[in-house]
Amino acid sequence: MAKGRPKKEASEKASKANGGASLGFEAQMFLAADKLRKNLEPSDYKHVVLGLIFLKFVSTAFEAKHAELLKEDKAAAEDQDEYLADRVFWVPKVARWSHLQASARQPTIGKLIDDAMNAIEKSNDSLKGVLPKNYNSPSLDKVMLGELIDLISGIGMGEKGDARDVLGRVYEYFLGGFAGSEGKRGGEFYTPRSVVRVLVEMLEPYKGRVYDPCCGSGGMFVQSEKFVETHGGRIGDIAIYGQESNNTTWRLCKMNLAVRGIDADIRWNNEGSFHKDELKDLRFDYALANPPFNISDWGGERLRQDARWTYGEPPVGNANYAWLQHILWHLSPNGTAGVVLANGSMSSAQSGEDVIRKAMVEADVVDCMIALPGQLFYSTQIPVCLWFLARNKKGGGKLRDRRGEVLFIDARKLGTLVDRTRKEFSDDDIGKITGAYHAWREGKAHEDVPGFCKAAKLEEIRGHNFVLTPGRYVGAQDVEDDDVSFTERFAGLRAKLEQQFAEAEKLAAIIRIKLAGVTTSG
């Protein structure tokens, strides 16, 4: 958050990050927590708050299971395996929320929280090195910590639904709220929920392996699990895999998934997915990713002959096509992927990117391209696009043969402002986008809609020199926002004007001849 920004304005902006203008339960909680922040930066404060919410979650889940087991068998209530079987973390007595709540106003509360975090990590291998343990830092106000514990103790009180589910909703809401408060830095760990929903509802990950090579705080995985639940699938039918190079973000992801009760294999290493691919031998049925845009320091000069560059060596100065090819490399024979990228990836001709794009189109691995409106992301105000890739477009089952064809969707006019700087997709917006894709992919009476969507044949794409900007194909009315460079647009307009001049001269000559004939006959 920029220093000097009025706190009320920042809090209200963050409170709208997940649900528009109305203040629901989660938003009220966020505003209350933000008032306790005082002079702490949001980037530091989020770990304080999210760590405590996580602690409350694991303790609530443990105590519910503990009470259930006590009724059946007191010995089983002290057996850690009984909890593990139900995906519940073992919580030692010193880490239970009731113990911390009773000591919330003590000056030693910071040390008690750190001890609780250490005890939970010691008892649960999957959480080792994940939880924040700096609550006893002199920079943290211990009165503020006590007030936060009291506030978080009230989560779920009077709310409908399972207490653990309520805590999961709060955790997800707070992630979005902190991303809104941090602005550009927030985009490093959080992808807006409505964008993730488009990706998930396009790919429909019902069954199989789901992968994200730069998974941030795990939002793609949470939405994938929600999709399966909402559509009557079984959670156990999908397996989650991810990689993340930022250790702080990796820890947020591990806690986020644990709060949602999601089993996942999330790898961290500071070299990243390109240079130390922890999952190099695995192939996935679905990939969802929001990689960092246009990164120039990805170390591409050390990967010139990498086996993943099937369609051409990505430029050293931009990782966009390295991400696309890394993801394609990891797809199973029938795998599909959705990737968020900068708009330049659709038309760039720099450093051989056009050659790679041409090879991908000719290989028929590009399934659908979507242009998004600006202001959807915390990290950038510029519009971005979605690439949908498919290893196998020949169809089968409910899918029709889509070989030699790409669907283009121009969604730039969709979305509604939720504050002065950011938009969100409504349910109707998401339905319009995903409905067009599924109608085309499944052969359900798809119709091209001028200005919105068009299924273009490979020959037409060749005619546009393999530029994949949807506005080129759907007949977008917003010419000035067509994502085409000024030089290219000017050249096209000049050529069209010269053509019109030539036609005008021909017409003028015909008129002169006709007029001469009238004069002679008179």
Protein backbone atom coordinates (compact mmCIF):
# COMPACT_ATOMS: atom_id res chain seq x y z
CA MET A 1 0.00 0.00 0.00
CA ALA A 2 1.33 3.40 -0.88
CA LYS A 3 2.18 5.45 2.19
CA GLY A 4 -0.15 8.32 2.80
CA ARG A 5 -3.20 6.65 1.28
CA PRO A 6 -6.22 7.18 3.53
CA LYS A 7 -6.73 3.99 5.46
CA LYS A 8 -10.50 3.95 5.00
CA GLU A 9 -10.11 4.13 1.22
CA ALA A 10 -7.56 1.31 1.17
CA SER A 11 -9.71 -0.89 3.40
CA GLU A 12 -12.83 -0.33 1.34
CA LYS A 13 -10.93 -1.10 -1.86
CA ALA A 14 -9.66 -4.35 -0.37
CA SER A 15 -13.09 -5.25 0.95
CA LYS A 16 -14.46 -5.27 -2.59
CA ALA A 17 -11.72 -7.55 -3.87
CA ASN A 18 -13.90 -10.66 -3.79
CA GLY A 19 -17.49 -9.62 -3.93
CA GLY A 20 -18.51 -6.18 -5.13
CA ALA A 21 -19.79 -3.30 -3.06
CA SER A 22 -21.92 -5.06 -0.42
CA LEU A 23 -20.17 -5.89 2.84
CA GLY A 24 -20.69 -9.57 3.63
CA PHE A 25 -19.36 -11.47 6.63
CA GLU A 26 -15.88 -11.96 5.18
CA ALA A 27 -15.61 -8.29 4.16
CA GLN A 28 -16.60 -7.12 7.63
CA MET A 29 -13.94 -9.40 9.10
CA PHE A 30 -11.32 -7.99 6.76
CA LEU A 31 -12.17 -4.39 7.62
CA ALA A 32 -12.05 -5.17 11.32
CA ALA A 33 -8.67 -6.88 10.97
CA ASP A 34 -7.30 -4.04 8.86
CA LYS A 35 -8.18 -1.52 11.59
CA LEU A 36 -5.84 -3.40 13.93
CA ARG A 37 -2.94 -3.18 11.47
CA LYS A 38 -1.72 0.24 12.62
CA ASN A 39 1.61 1.00 10.92
CA LEU A 40 2.39 -2.51 9.66
CA GLU A 41 2.75 -2.84 5.89
CA PRO A 42 0.07 -5.09 4.28
CA SER A 43 2.82 -7.33 2.87
CA ASP A 44 3.97 -8.11 6.44
CA TYR A 45 0.57 -8.03 8.10
CA LYS A 46 -0.97 -10.63 5.81
CA HIS A 47 1.34 -13.33 7.18
CA VAL A 48 0.38 -12.39 10.74
CA VAL A 49 -3.36 -12.61 10.04
CA LEU A 50 -3.36 -15.58 7.65
CA GLY A 51 -1.16 -17.57 10.02
CA LEU A 52 -3.63 -17.04 12.86
CA ILE A 53 -6.63 -17.93 10.66
CA PHE A 54 -4.79 -21.11 9.67
CA LEU A 55 -4.11 -21.90 13.33
CA LYS A 56 -7.79 -21.40 14.15
CA PHE A 57 -8.78 -23.64 11.24
CA VAL A 58 -6.55 -26.60 12.13
CA SER A 59 -7.52 -26.32 15.78
CA THR A 60 -11.26 -26.20 15.00
CA ALA A 61 -10.96 -29.23 12.70
CA PHE A 62 -8.90 -31.13 15.26
CA GLU A 63 -11.22 -30.39 18.18
CA ALA A 64 -14.28 -31.46 16.19
CA LYS A 65 -12.62 -34.77 15.26
CA HIS A 66 -11.30 -35.19 18.81
CA ALA A 67 -14.79 -34.82 20.28
CA GLU A 68 -16.16 -37.30 17.75
CA LEU A 69 -13.49 -39.91 18.58
CA LEU A 70 -13.90 -39.45 22.33
CA LYS A 71 -17.49 -40.63 22.05
CA GLU A 72 -16.33 -43.83 20.34
CA ASP A 73 -12.97 -44.72 21.85
CA LYS A 74 -10.76 -42.63 24.16
CA ALA A 75 -7.63 -44.42 22.92
CA ALA A 76 -8.47 -43.60 19.30
CA ALA A 77 -8.83 -39.93 20.27
CA GLU A 78 -5.07 -39.88 21.00
CA ASP A 79 -4.06 -41.78 17.84
CA GLN A 80 -2.60 -39.40 15.25
CA ASP A 81 -3.36 -41.82 12.41
CA GLU A 82 -7.09 -41.47 13.10
CA TYR A 83 -6.83 -37.78 12.26
CA LEU A 84 -4.57 -38.23 9.27
CA ALA A 85 -7.06 -40.67 7.71
CA ASP A 86 -9.66 -37.90 7.75
CA ARG A 87 -7.22 -35.25 6.44
CA VAL A 88 -7.16 -33.52 9.82
CA PHE A 89 -3.88 -32.20 11.22
CA TRP A 90 -2.76 -33.30 14.68
CA VAL A 91 -2.74 -30.29 17.01
CA PRO A 92 -0.80 -30.62 20.30
CA LYS A 93 -2.35 -29.07 23.42
CA VAL A 94 -0.04 -26.02 23.38
CA ALA A 95 -1.28 -25.19 19.86
CA ARG A 96 -5.00 -25.51 20.41
CA TRP A 97 -6.96 -22.32 19.92
CA SER A 98 -8.66 -22.51 23.29
CA HIS A 99 -5.20 -22.38 24.94
CA LEU A 100 -4.16 -19.31 22.91
CA GLN A 101 -7.50 -17.57 23.37
CA ALA A 102 -7.21 -17.93 27.15
CA SER A 103 -3.80 -16.23 27.03
CA ALA A 104 -4.61 -13.63 24.36
CA ARG A 105 -4.09 -10.66 26.70
CA GLN A 106 -0.82 -11.89 28.16
CA PRO A 107 2.43 -10.09 27.18
CA THR A 108 3.87 -13.52 26.27
CA ILE A 109 1.22 -14.18 23.57
CA GLY A 110 3.77 -13.74 20.76
CA LYS A 111 5.98 -16.51 22.12
CA LEU A 112 2.93 -18.73 22.76
CA ILE A 113 1.87 -18.41 19.10
CA ASP A 114 5.40 -19.19 17.87
CA ASP A 115 5.48 -22.23 20.15
CA ALA A 116 2.11 -23.32 18.74
CA MET A 117 3.35 -23.03 15.15
CA ASN A 118 6.51 -25.01 15.95
CA ALA A 119 4.50 -27.71 17.71
CA ILE A 120 2.14 -28.14 14.73
CA GLU A 121 5.04 -28.36 12.26
CA LYS A 122 6.79 -30.92 14.47
CA SER A 123 3.66 -33.09 14.55
CA ASN A 124 2.77 -32.82 10.83
CA ASP A 125 5.49 -33.52 8.27
CA SER A 126 3.58 -31.88 5.41
CA LEU A 127 3.67 -28.51 7.22
CA LYS A 128 7.39 -28.42 8.03
CA GLY A 129 8.86 -25.03 7.11
CA VAL A 130 5.44 -23.68 6.10
CA LEU A 131 4.00 -21.75 9.05
CA PRO A 132 5.00 -18.20 10.07
CA LYS A 133 6.96 -18.12 13.34
CA ASN A 134 7.83 -14.49 14.03
CA TYR A 135 4.97 -13.51 16.33
CA ASN A 136 7.40 -12.83 19.18
CA SER A 137 9.20 -10.22 17.09
CA PRO A 138 9.66 -6.88 18.92
CA SER A 139 8.09 -5.14 15.90
CA LEU A 140 4.73 -6.83 16.53
CA ASP A 141 2.41 -5.12 18.99
CA LYS A 142 1.32 -7.82 21.47
CA VAL A 143 -1.90 -5.95 22.27
CA MET A 144 -2.73 -6.06 18.55
CA LEU A 145 -2.06 -9.82 18.52
CA GLY A 146 -4.47 -10.33 21.41
CA GLU A 147 -7.16 -8.29 19.66
CA LEU A 148 -6.65 -10.31 16.47
CA ILE A 149 -7.09 -13.56 18.40
CA ASP A 150 -10.35 -12.25 19.86
CA LEU A 151 -11.51 -11.17 16.39
CA ILE A 152 -10.63 -14.48 14.72
CA SER A 153 -12.25 -16.39 17.57
CA GLY A 154 -15.56 -14.99 16.34
CA ILE A 155 -15.20 -16.40 12.82
CA GLY A 156 -18.07 -18.72 12.12
CA MET A 157 -20.20 -17.56 15.03
CA GLY A 158 -23.76 -17.27 13.77
CA GLU A 159 -22.73 -18.21 10.21
CA LYS A 160 -24.46 -21.02 8.38
CA GLY A 161 -22.40 -24.03 7.35
CA ASP A 162 -19.49 -26.01 8.74
CA ALA A 163 -17.06 -23.89 10.80
CA ARG A 164 -14.12 -25.20 8.79
CA ASP A 165 -15.75 -24.21 5.51
CA VAL A 166 -16.43 -20.72 6.89
CA LEU A 167 -12.78 -20.41 7.89
CA GLY A 168 -11.76 -21.51 4.39
CA ARG A 169 -13.95 -18.80 2.86
CA VAL A 170 -12.45 -16.20 5.17
CA TYR A 171 -8.90 -17.29 4.35
CA GLU A 172 -9.57 -17.02 0.60
CA TYR A 173 -11.27 -13.66 1.02
CA PHE A 174 -8.36 -12.30 3.04
CA LEU A 175 -5.90 -13.41 0.36
CA GLY A 176 -7.83 -11.34 -2.18
CA GLY A 177 -8.16 -8.45 0.23
CA PHE A 178 -4.42 -8.30 0.90
CA ALA A 179 -3.69 -8.56 -2.82
CA GLY A 180 -5.91 -5.51 -3.34
CA SER A 181 -4.11 -3.63 -0.57
CA GLU A 182 -0.67 -4.43 -1.97
CA GLY A 183 -1.49 -3.45 -5.55
CA LYS A 184 1.14 -4.64 -8.03
CA ARG A 185 2.90 -6.86 -5.48
CA GLY A 186 -0.43 -8.56 -4.75
CA GLY A 187 -0.45 -9.99 -8.27
CA GLU A 188 2.62 -12.05 -7.41
CA PHE A 189 0.61 -14.38 -5.18
CA TYR A 190 -3.03 -13.91 -6.22
CA THR A 191 -4.97 -14.29 -9.47
CA PRO A 192 -8.43 -12.66 -9.35
CA ARG A 193 -11.12 -15.25 -8.66
CA SER A 194 -13.29 -14.41 -11.67
CA VAL A 195 -10.33 -14.97 -14.03
CA VAL A 196 -9.54 -18.29 -12.37
CA ARG A 197 -13.20 -19.28 -12.74
CA VAL A 198 -13.04 -18.66 -16.49
CA LEU A 199 -9.97 -20.91 -16.76
CA VAL A 200 -11.48 -23.68 -14.64
CA GLU A 201 -14.94 -23.62 -16.23
CA MET A 202 -13.40 -23.68 -19.69
CA LEU A 203 -11.25 -26.74 -18.96
CA GLU A 204 -13.69 -28.57 -16.64
CA PRO A 205 -11.17 -30.58 -14.60
CA TYR A 206 -13.46 -33.40 -13.45
CA LYS A 207 -10.90 -36.17 -13.25
CA GLY A 208 -7.13 -36.52 -13.57
CA ARG A 209 -3.99 -34.58 -12.73
CA VAL A 210 -4.07 -30.78 -12.46
CA TYR A 211 -0.82 -28.79 -12.73
CA ASP A 212 0.34 -25.21 -12.20
CA PRO A 213 4.07 -24.49 -12.77
CA CYS A 214 3.92 -21.12 -10.93
CA CYS A 215 1.09 -21.72 -8.51
CA GLY A 216 1.19 -18.60 -6.33
CA SER A 217 -1.16 -18.98 -3.36
CA GLY A 218 -3.01 -21.92 -4.97
CA GLY A 219 -6.17 -20.20 -6.23
CA MET A 220 -6.27 -22.33 -9.39
CA PHE A 221 -6.39 -25.48 -7.27
CA VAL A 222 -9.05 -24.18 -4.90
CA GLN A 223 -11.33 -23.29 -7.82
CA SER A 224 -10.69 -26.67 -9.48
CA GLU A 225 -11.82 -28.48 -6.33
CA LYS A 226 -14.85 -26.17 -6.06
CA PHE A 227 -15.76 -26.94 -9.67
CA VAL A 228 -15.68 -30.68 -9.03
CA GLU A 229 -17.80 -30.29 -5.89
CA THR A 230 -20.33 -27.97 -7.56
CA HIS A 231 -20.82 -30.31 -10.52
CA GLY A 232 -21.31 -33.45 -8.49
CA GLY A 233 -17.85 -34.94 -8.96
CA ARG A 234 -15.65 -36.59 -6.36
CA ILE A 235 -12.76 -34.62 -4.86
CA GLY A 236 -10.57 -37.72 -4.85
CA ASP A 237 -10.84 -37.92 -8.65
CA ILE A 238 -8.38 -35.06 -9.20
CA ALA A 239 -4.75 -34.92 -8.08
CA ILE A 240 -3.06 -31.54 -7.56
CA TYR A 241 0.55 -30.76 -8.51
CA GLY A 242 2.36 -27.44 -8.49
CA GLN A 243 5.68 -25.63 -8.41
CA GLU A 244 6.57 -22.23 -6.95
CA SER A 245 9.93 -20.47 -6.76
CA ASN A 246 9.03 -17.85 -4.11
CA ASN A 247 9.28 -19.47 -0.68
CA THR A 248 6.93 -16.98 0.99
CA THR A 249 4.29 -17.54 -1.68
CA TRP A 250 4.80 -21.32 -1.51
CA ARG A 251 4.03 -21.18 2.22
CA LEU A 252 0.83 -19.19 1.53
CA CYS A 253 -0.18 -21.84 -1.00
CA LYS A 254 0.45 -24.73 1.39
CA MET A 255 -1.65 -23.05 4.10
CA ASN A 256 -4.41 -22.11 1.63
CA LEU A 257 -4.75 -25.69 0.40
CA ALA A 258 -4.58 -27.09 3.93
CA VAL A 259 -7.39 -24.78 5.03
CA ARG A 260 -9.51 -26.08 2.15
CA GLY A 261 -8.62 -29.68 3.01
CA ILE A 262 -6.94 -30.19 -0.37
CA ASP A 263 -4.20 -32.79 -0.72
CA ALA A 264 -1.50 -31.54 -3.09
CA ASP A 265 2.09 -32.11 -4.14
CA ILE A 266 3.47 -28.55 -4.21
CA ARG A 267 7.22 -28.27 -4.77
CA TRP A 268 9.41 -25.30 -3.90
CA ASN A 269 12.88 -24.51 -5.12
CA ASN A 270 14.46 -21.10 -5.63
CA GLU A 271 15.63 -21.97 -9.16
CA GLY A 272 12.08 -22.24 -10.50
CA SER A 273 10.26 -24.52 -12.94
CA PHE A 274 12.53 -23.75 -15.90
CA HIS A 275 15.89 -24.55 -14.29
CA LYS A 276 14.92 -27.19 -11.75
CA ASP A 277 11.77 -28.86 -12.96
CA GLU A 278 10.78 -30.89 -9.89
CA LEU A 279 8.08 -32.73 -11.86
CA LYS A 280 9.90 -33.19 -15.18
CA ASP A 281 8.84 -36.81 -15.65
CA LEU A 282 5.14 -36.24 -14.96
CA ARG A 283 2.43 -35.46 -17.52
CA PHE A 284 -0.87 -33.81 -16.63
CA ASP A 285 -4.44 -33.84 -17.88
CA TYR A 286 -4.97 -30.15 -17.10
CA ALA A 287 -2.67 -27.20 -16.62
CA LEU A 288 -3.72 -23.78 -15.34
CA ALA A 289 -1.21 -20.97 -14.99
CA ASN A 290 -0.78 -17.24 -14.53
CA PRO A 291 2.98 -16.90 -15.05
CA PRO A 292 4.78 -13.59 -14.51
CA PHE A 293 4.41 -11.49 -17.67
CA ASN A 294 7.30 -10.72 -20.02
CA ILE A 295 10.09 -11.64 -17.59
CA SER A 296 13.48 -10.95 -19.11
CA ASP A 297 15.75 -12.41 -16.42
CA TRP A 298 14.58 -16.01 -16.58
CA GLY A 299 18.02 -17.40 -17.44
CA GLY A 300 17.07 -18.54 -20.92
CA GLU A 301 20.66 -18.37 -22.15
CA ARG A 302 21.38 -21.46 -20.02
CA LEU A 303 18.58 -23.48 -21.65
CA ARG A 304 19.26 -23.11 -25.36
CA GLN A 305 18.97 -26.79 -26.28
CA ASP A 306 16.27 -27.78 -23.79
CA ALA A 307 14.00 -30.65 -24.87
CA ARG A 308 10.90 -28.62 -23.93
CA TRP A 309 11.41 -26.16 -26.79
CA THR A 310 9.53 -28.30 -29.31
CA TYR A 311 8.35 -25.33 -31.38
CA GLY A 312 11.48 -23.18 -31.21
CA GLU A 313 13.92 -21.68 -28.71
CA PRO A 314 12.19 -18.92 -26.72
CA PRO A 315 14.01 -15.57 -26.70
CA VAL A 316 16.41 -14.96 -23.84
CA GLY A 317 14.74 -11.60 -23.18
CA ASN A 318 11.16 -12.84 -22.71
CA ALA A 319 9.84 -16.00 -21.04
CA ASN A 320 6.29 -15.96 -22.46
CA TYR A 321 6.92 -18.70 -25.02
CA ALA A 322 9.05 -20.62 -22.57
CA TRP A 323 6.02 -20.87 -20.26
CA LEU A 324 3.74 -21.98 -23.10
CA GLN A 325 6.17 -24.68 -24.22
CA HIS A 326 6.96 -25.83 -20.69
CA ILE A 327 3.23 -26.33 -20.13
CA LEU A 328 2.74 -28.12 -23.47
CA TRP A 329 5.65 -30.40 -22.60
CA HIS A 330 3.88 -31.43 -19.41
CA LEU A 331 0.48 -32.17 -20.98
CA SER A 332 -0.69 -35.75 -21.40
CA PRO A 333 -1.70 -36.96 -24.91
CA ASN A 334 -5.24 -35.64 -24.35
CA GLY A 335 -4.26 -32.83 -22.00
CA THR A 336 -5.57 -29.26 -22.12
CA ALA A 337 -4.25 -26.03 -20.62
CA GLY A 338 -5.33 -22.47 -19.88
CA VAL A 339 -2.63 -19.80 -19.53
CA VAL A 340 -2.80 -16.09 -18.69
CA LEU A 341 -0.30 -14.01 -20.70
CA ALA A 342 0.39 -10.46 -21.79
CA ASN A 343 -1.39 -9.37 -24.97
CA GLY A 344 1.91 -9.01 -26.79
CA SER A 345 2.25 -12.78 -26.88
CA MET A 346 -0.55 -12.93 -29.48
CA SER A 347 1.17 -10.75 -32.07
CA SER A 348 4.84 -10.20 -31.17
CA ALA A 349 7.34 -10.68 -33.98
CA GLN A 350 10.39 -9.96 -31.84
CA SER A 351 13.26 -12.40 -31.35
CA GLY A 352 11.57 -15.20 -33.25
CA GLU A 353 8.37 -15.33 -31.17
CA ASP A 354 6.33 -15.19 -34.39
CA VAL A 355 8.18 -18.27 -35.65
CA ILE A 356 7.31 -20.20 -32.47
CA ARG A 357 3.69 -19.03 -32.64
CA LYS A 358 3.45 -20.15 -36.27
CA ALA A 359 4.86 -23.57 -35.37
CA MET A 360 2.34 -23.98 -32.56
CA VAL A 361 -0.58 -23.04 -34.81
CA GLU A 362 0.60 -25.32 -37.62
CA ALA A 363 0.99 -28.14 -35.07
CA ASP A 364 -2.66 -27.47 -34.08
CA VAL A 365 -2.03 -27.16 -30.35
CA VAL A 366 -3.80 -23.77 -30.03
CA ASP A 367 -7.45 -24.38 -29.18
CA CYS A 368 -8.91 -21.00 -28.18
CA MET A 369 -7.75 -17.39 -27.68
CA ILE A 370 -9.56 -14.92 -25.42
CA ALA A 371 -8.89 -11.18 -25.18
CA LEU A 372 -9.72 -9.90 -21.69
CA PRO A 373 -10.60 -6.36 -20.63
CA GLY A 374 -8.14 -4.19 -18.75
CA GLN A 375 -8.31 -3.64 -14.98
CA LEU A 376 -8.97 -7.26 -14.02
CA PHE A 377 -5.67 -7.69 -12.20
CA TYR A 378 -4.09 -6.13 -9.14
CA SER A 379 -0.63 -6.31 -10.68
CA THR A 380 -1.34 -4.55 -13.98
CA GLN A 381 -3.98 -2.28 -15.50
CA ILE A 382 -3.19 -3.40 -19.05
CA PRO A 383 -5.47 -5.95 -20.73
CA VAL A 384 -4.21 -9.52 -20.92
CA CYS A 385 -5.25 -12.63 -22.80
CA LEU A 386 -5.95 -16.30 -22.19
CA TRP A 387 -4.34 -19.05 -24.27
CA PHE A 388 -6.07 -22.43 -24.34
CA LEU A 389 -3.91 -25.29 -25.57
CA ALA A 390 -4.87 -28.85 -26.48
CA ARG A 391 -2.70 -31.84 -27.30
CA ASN A 392 -5.52 -33.60 -29.13
CA LYS A 393 -8.23 -31.71 -31.06
CA LYS A 394 -9.57 -34.63 -33.06
CA GLY A 395 -12.43 -35.11 -30.64
CA GLY A 396 -14.01 -38.19 -29.18
CA GLY A 397 -16.71 -38.69 -26.59
CA LYS A 398 -18.67 -35.46 -26.25
CA LEU A 399 -15.99 -33.44 -28.08
CA ARG A 400 -16.13 -32.81 -31.83
CA ASP A 401 -13.20 -32.79 -34.24
CA ARG A 402 -11.69 -29.28 -34.05
CA ARG A 403 -8.55 -29.90 -36.06
CA GLY A 404 -7.51 -27.02 -38.30
CA GLU A 405 -9.69 -24.56 -36.36
CA VAL A 406 -9.22 -22.07 -33.51
CA LEU A 407 -11.96 -20.27 -31.58
CA PHE A 408 -11.40 -16.55 -30.99
CA ILE A 409 -13.33 -14.73 -28.24
CA ASP A 410 -13.17 -10.97 -27.69
CA ALA A 411 -14.30 -10.40 -24.09
CA ARG A 412 -12.91 -6.86 -23.77
CA LYS A 413 -16.35 -5.31 -23.38
CA LEU A 414 -17.32 -7.61 -20.51
CA GLY A 415 -16.67 -7.06 -16.81
CA THR A 416 -17.96 -4.51 -14.31
CA LEU A 417 -16.00 -2.01 -12.23
CA VAL A 418 -16.02 -2.97 -8.54
CA ASP A 419 -13.97 0.08 -7.57
CA ARG A 420 -12.21 2.91 -9.38
CA THR A 421 -9.37 0.74 -10.66
CA ARG A 422 -10.55 -2.86 -10.95
CA LYS A 423 -13.12 -4.93 -12.81
CA GLU A 424 -14.62 -8.35 -12.20
CA PHE A 425 -16.54 -10.76 -14.41
CA SER A 426 -20.11 -11.47 -13.35
CA ASP A 427 -21.63 -14.95 -13.47
CA ASP A 428 -23.32 -13.92 -16.74
CA ASP A 429 -20.00 -12.79 -18.22
CA ILE A 430 -18.35 -16.08 -17.31
CA GLY A 431 -21.33 -18.01 -18.69
CA LYS A 432 -21.19 -16.11 -21.99
CA ILE A 433 -17.48 -16.81 -22.46
CA THR A 434 -17.48 -20.45 -21.40
CA GLY A 435 -20.80 -21.14 -23.14
CA ALA A 436 -19.38 -20.02 -26.49
CA TYR A 437 -16.34 -22.24 -26.02
CA HIS A 438 -18.26 -25.37 -25.02
CA ALA A 439 -20.82 -24.90 -27.81
CA TRP A 440 -17.95 -24.80 -30.31
CA ARG A 441 -15.86 -27.54 -28.71
CA GLU A 442 -18.81 -29.90 -28.31
CA GLY A 443 -20.61 -29.02 -31.54
CA LYS A 444 -23.72 -27.66 -29.82
CA ALA A 445 -24.98 -25.38 -32.58
CA HIS A 446 -22.10 -22.94 -32.29
CA GLU A 447 -22.63 -19.67 -34.13
CA ASP A 448 -20.08 -16.95 -34.78
CA VAL A 449 -21.15 -13.69 -33.12
CA PRO A 450 -19.77 -10.56 -34.84
CA GLY A 451 -17.72 -8.56 -32.40
CA PHE A 452 -17.55 -11.42 -29.86
CA CYS A 453 -16.52 -14.81 -31.19
CA LYS A 454 -15.51 -16.61 -34.36
CA ALA A 455 -14.18 -20.07 -35.23
CA ALA A 456 -11.39 -19.43 -37.73
CA LYS A 457 -9.86 -21.99 -40.07
CA LEU A 458 -6.11 -22.42 -40.29
CA GLU A 459 -6.08 -20.84 -43.75
CA GLU A 460 -7.54 -17.60 -42.37
CA ILE A 461 -4.98 -17.56 -39.56
CA ARG A 462 -2.21 -17.95 -42.13
CA GLY A 463 -3.70 -14.97 -43.96
CA HIS A 464 -3.23 -12.91 -40.80
CA ASN A 465 0.40 -14.05 -40.60
CA PHE A 466 -0.37 -16.13 -37.49
CA VAL A 467 -1.31 -13.14 -35.36
CA LEU A 468 -3.78 -14.50 -32.78
CA THR A 469 -5.45 -11.29 -31.58
CA PRO A 470 -9.22 -12.05 -31.44
CA GLY A 471 -10.12 -8.58 -32.73
CA ARG A 472 -8.57 -9.58 -36.07
CA TYR A 473 -11.11 -12.33 -36.53
CA VAL A 474 -14.35 -11.44 -34.75
CA GLY A 475 -14.78 -8.02 -36.39
CA ALA A 476 -14.35 -5.98 -33.22
CA GLN A 477 -15.84 -2.52 -33.49
CA ASP A 478 -13.23 -1.04 -31.16
CA VAL A 479 -10.57 -0.60 -33.82
CA GLU A 480 -8.44 1.72 -31.70
CA ASP A 481 -8.21 -0.95 -28.99
CA ASP A 482 -7.38 -3.83 -31.35
CA ASP A 483 -4.03 -4.60 -29.70
CA VAL A 484 -2.30 -3.97 -33.05
CA SER A 485 0.79 -1.77 -33.06
CA PHE A 486 0.49 1.80 -34.37
CA THR A 487 2.97 1.08 -37.18
CA GLU A 488 0.99 -1.94 -38.38
CA ARG A 489 -2.37 -0.16 -38.07
CA PHE A 490 -1.09 2.95 -39.88
CA ALA A 491 0.32 0.86 -42.72
CA GLY A 492 -3.01 -0.90 -43.14
CA LEU A 493 -4.99 2.35 -43.12
CA ARG A 494 -2.59 3.93 -45.62
CA ALA A 495 -2.90 0.97 -47.98
CA LYS A 496 -6.68 1.11 -47.72
CA LEU A 497 -6.65 4.88 -48.40
CA GLU A 498 -4.42 4.44 -51.47
CA GLN A 499 -6.85 1.80 -52.74
CA GLN A 500 -9.77 4.18 -52.23
CA PHE A 501 -7.87 6.97 -54.06
CA ALA A 502 -7.30 4.65 -57.02
CA GLU A 503 -10.97 3.64 -57.09
CA ALA A 504 -11.99 7.31 -56.89
CA GLU A 505 -9.77 8.18 -59.86
CA LYS A 506 -11.31 5.36 -61.91
CA LEU A 507 -14.79 6.53 -60.98
CA ALA A 508 -13.91 10.15 -61.84
CA ALA A 509 -12.63 9.06 -65.27
CA ILE A 510 -15.88 7.16 -65.97
CA ILE A 511 -17.95 10.18 -64.94
CA ARG A 512 -15.90 12.46 -67.23
CA ILE A 513 -16.52 10.12 -70.18
CA LYS A 514 -20.25 10.02 -69.45
CA LEU A 515 -20.40 13.80 -69.14
CA ALA A 516 -18.54 14.22 -72.45
CA GLY A 517 -21.11 11.98 -74.11
CA VAL A 518 -23.95 14.09 -72.76
CA THR A 519 -22.31 17.31 -74.09
CA THR A 520 -21.72 15.83 -77.55
CA SER A 521 -25.28 14.55 -77.93
CA GLY A 522 -26.65 17.95 -76.81
